[in-house]
C-alpha atoms as a PDB file:
ATOM      1  CA  UNK A   1     -58.659  -6.067 -49.400  1.00  0.00           C
ATOM      2  CA  UNK A   2     -58.520  -5.219 -45.490  1.00  0.00           C
ATOM      3  CA  UNK A   3     -61.078  -5.452 -42.473  1.00  0.00           C
ATOM      4  CA  UNK A   4     -61.906  -1.429 -42.744  1.00  0.00           C
ATOM      5  CA  UNK A   5     -63.609  -2.672 -46.254  1.00  0.00           C
ATOM      6  CA  UNK A   6     -64.929  -5.468 -44.512  1.00  0.00           C
ATOM      7  CA  UNK A   7     -66.417  -2.833 -41.770  1.00  0.00           C
ATOM      8  CA  UNK A   8     -67.189  -0.290 -44.162  1.00  0.00           C
ATOM      9  CA  UNK A   9     -69.544  -2.603 -46.040  1.00  0.00           C
ATOM     10  CA  UNK A  10     -70.850  -4.176 -43.545  1.00  0.00           C
ATOM     11  CA  UNK A  11     -72.318  -0.550 -41.765  1.00  0.00           C
ATOM     12  CA  UNK A  12     -72.915   0.536 -45.690  1.00  0.00           C
ATOM     13  CA  UNK A  13     -75.624  -2.603 -45.574  1.00  0.00           C
ATOM     14  CA  UNK A  14     -76.889  -1.712 -41.760  1.00  0.00           C
ATOM     15  CA  UNK A  15     -77.384   1.520 -42.719  1.00  0.00           C
ATOM     16  CA  UNK A  16     -79.673   0.991 -45.915  1.00  0.00           C
ATOM     17  CA  UNK A  17     -81.319  -1.703 -43.687  1.00  0.00           C
ATOM     18  CA  UNK A  18     -82.117   1.301 -41.417  1.00  0.00           C
ATOM     19  CA  UNK A  19     -83.724   3.567 -44.667  1.00  0.00           C
ATOM     20  CA  UNK A  20     -85.442   0.555 -46.259  1.00  0.00           C
ATOM     21  CA  UNK A  21     -87.526  -0.339 -42.891  1.00  0.00           C
ATOM     22  CA  UNK A  22     -87.368   3.040 -41.475  1.00  0.00           C
ATOM     23  CA  UNK A  23     -90.894   3.139 -38.824  1.00  0.00           C
ATOM     24  CA  UNK A  24     -90.830  -1.355 -39.332  1.00  0.00           C
ATOM     25  CA  UNK A  25     -88.905  -2.606 -36.080  1.00  0.00           C
ATOM     26  CA  UNK A  26     -89.722  -6.024 -36.669  1.00  0.00           C
ATOM     27  CA  UNK A  27     -88.255  -6.065 -40.102  1.00  0.00           C
ATOM     28  CA  UNK A  28     -85.227  -3.534 -38.875  1.00  0.00           C
ATOM     29  CA  UNK A  29     -84.127  -5.807 -36.491  1.00  0.00           C
ATOM     30  CA  UNK A  30     -84.630  -9.188 -38.653  1.00  0.00           C
ATOM     31  CA  UNK A  31     -82.364  -7.658 -41.678  1.00  0.00           C
ATOM     32  CA  UNK A  32     -79.515  -6.492 -39.083  1.00  0.00           C
ATOM     33  CA  UNK A  33     -79.696 -10.156 -37.128  1.00  0.00           C
ATOM     34  CA  UNK A  34     -79.123 -11.696 -41.013  1.00  0.00           C
ATOM     35  CA  UNK A  35     -76.382  -9.199 -42.021  1.00  0.00           C
ATOM     36  CA  UNK A  36     -74.849  -9.865 -38.675  1.00  0.00           C
ATOM     37  CA  UNK A  37     -74.923 -14.087 -38.836  1.00  0.00           C
ATOM     38  CA  UNK A  38     -73.670 -13.907 -42.537  1.00  0.00           C
ATOM     39  CA  UNK A  39     -70.396 -11.245 -41.361  1.00  0.00           C
ATOM     40  CA  UNK A  40     -69.964 -13.477 -38.348  1.00  0.00           C
ATOM     41  CA  UNK A  41     -70.223 -16.823 -40.135  1.00  0.00           C
ATOM     42  CA  UNK A  42     -67.765 -14.823 -42.393  1.00  0.00           C
ATOM     43  CA  UNK A  43     -65.325 -13.644 -40.069  1.00  0.00           C
ATOM     44  CA  UNK A  44     -62.867 -16.244 -40.220  1.00  0.00           C
ATOM     45  CA  UNK A  45     -62.472 -16.860 -43.624  1.00  0.00           C
ATOM     46  CA  UNK A  46     -58.412 -16.400 -44.474  1.00  0.00           C
ATOM     47  CA  UNK A  47     -58.309 -17.458 -48.181  1.00  0.00           C
ATOM     48  CA  UNK A  48     -58.229 -14.217 -50.270  1.00  0.00           C
ATOM     49  CA  UNK A  49     -60.249 -15.335 -53.169  1.00  0.00           C
ATOM     50  CA  UNK A  50     -63.408 -16.181 -50.446  1.00  0.00           C
ATOM     51  CA  UNK A  51     -62.615 -13.242 -49.293  1.00  0.00           C
ATOM     52  CA  UNK A  52     -62.984 -11.257 -52.140  1.00  0.00           C
ATOM     53  CA  UNK A  53     -66.153 -12.595 -52.898  1.00  0.00           C
ATOM     54  CA  UNK A  54     -67.996 -12.021 -49.857  1.00  0.00           C
ATOM     55  CA  UNK A  55     -67.198  -8.604 -50.410  1.00  0.00           C
ATOM     56  CA  UNK A  56     -68.386  -8.196 -53.230  1.00  0.00           C
ATOM     57  CA  UNK A  57     -71.598 -10.010 -52.670  1.00  0.00           C
ATOM     58  CA  UNK A  58     -72.280  -7.668 -49.950  1.00  0.00           C
ATOM     59  CA  UNK A  59     -71.349  -4.637 -51.878  1.00  0.00           C
ATOM     60  CA  UNK A  60     -74.208  -5.933 -53.891  1.00  0.00           C
ATOM     61  CA  UNK A  61     -76.952  -6.107 -51.692  1.00  0.00           C
ATOM     62  CA  UNK A  62     -76.365  -2.988 -50.324  1.00  0.00           C
ATOM     63  CA  UNK A  63     -76.537  -2.162 -53.902  1.00  0.00           C
ATOM     64  CA  UNK A  64     -79.701  -3.799 -53.732  1.00  0.00           C
ATOM     65  CA  UNK A  65     -81.132  -2.507 -51.021  1.00  0.00           C
ATOM     66  CA  UNK A  66     -80.503   1.106 -51.688  1.00  0.00           C
ATOM     67  CA  UNK A  67     -81.594   1.373 -55.453  1.00  0.00           C
ATOM     68  CA  UNK A  68     -84.189  -2.185 -55.840  1.00  0.00           C
ATOM     69  CA  UNK A  69     -86.325  -3.157 -52.856  1.00  0.00           C
ATOM     70  CA  UNK A  70     -89.181  -0.686 -51.648  1.00  0.00           C
ATOM     71  CA  UNK A  71     -91.452  -1.343 -48.216  1.00  0.00           C
ATOM     72  CA  UNK A  72     -95.386  -1.017 -49.419  1.00  0.00           C
ATOM     73  CA  UNK A  73     -97.943  -0.752 -46.681  1.00  0.00           C
ATOM     74  CA  UNK A  74    -101.475  -1.691 -47.263  1.00  0.00           C
ATOM     75  CA  UNK A  75    -103.849   1.357 -47.735  1.00  0.00           C
ATOM     76  CA  UNK A  76    -106.640   1.794 -45.685  1.00  0.00           C
ATOM     77  CA  UNK A  77    -109.279   1.937 -47.870  1.00  0.00           C
ATOM     78  CA  UNK A  78    -108.576  -0.831 -49.916  1.00  0.00           C
ATOM     79  CA  UNK A  79    -106.100  -4.010 -48.088  1.00  0.00           C
ATOM     80  CA  UNK A  80    -104.960  -4.531 -52.344  1.00  0.00           C
ATOM     81  CA  UNK A  81    -103.456  -1.723 -53.148  1.00  0.00           C
ATOM     82  CA  UNK A  82    -100.305  -0.814 -51.440  1.00  0.00           C
ATOM     83  CA  UNK A  83     -98.131   2.615 -51.174  1.00  0.00           C
ATOM     84  CA  UNK A  84     -94.456   3.093 -50.612  1.00  0.00           C
ATOM     85  CA  UNK A  85     -92.761   4.790 -47.952  1.00  0.00           C
END
């Protein structure tokens, strides 16, 4: 495990947030802020097991954002119906 791996995971999550929240600046900024907060919180970890756990969580989050999360927009005709990007 290296800082390079952590940086690559961080960047991948930010890219996933950009794709997911394209056109929704409020949610994109909120997602980026939360990702940054989580990474800053873990910045000074020294325990290899804790670092490895955080990296696994980061990779899982990236996968979830890319494959399992969609953003819908309300239909103009029926506000109870949503369309997906």
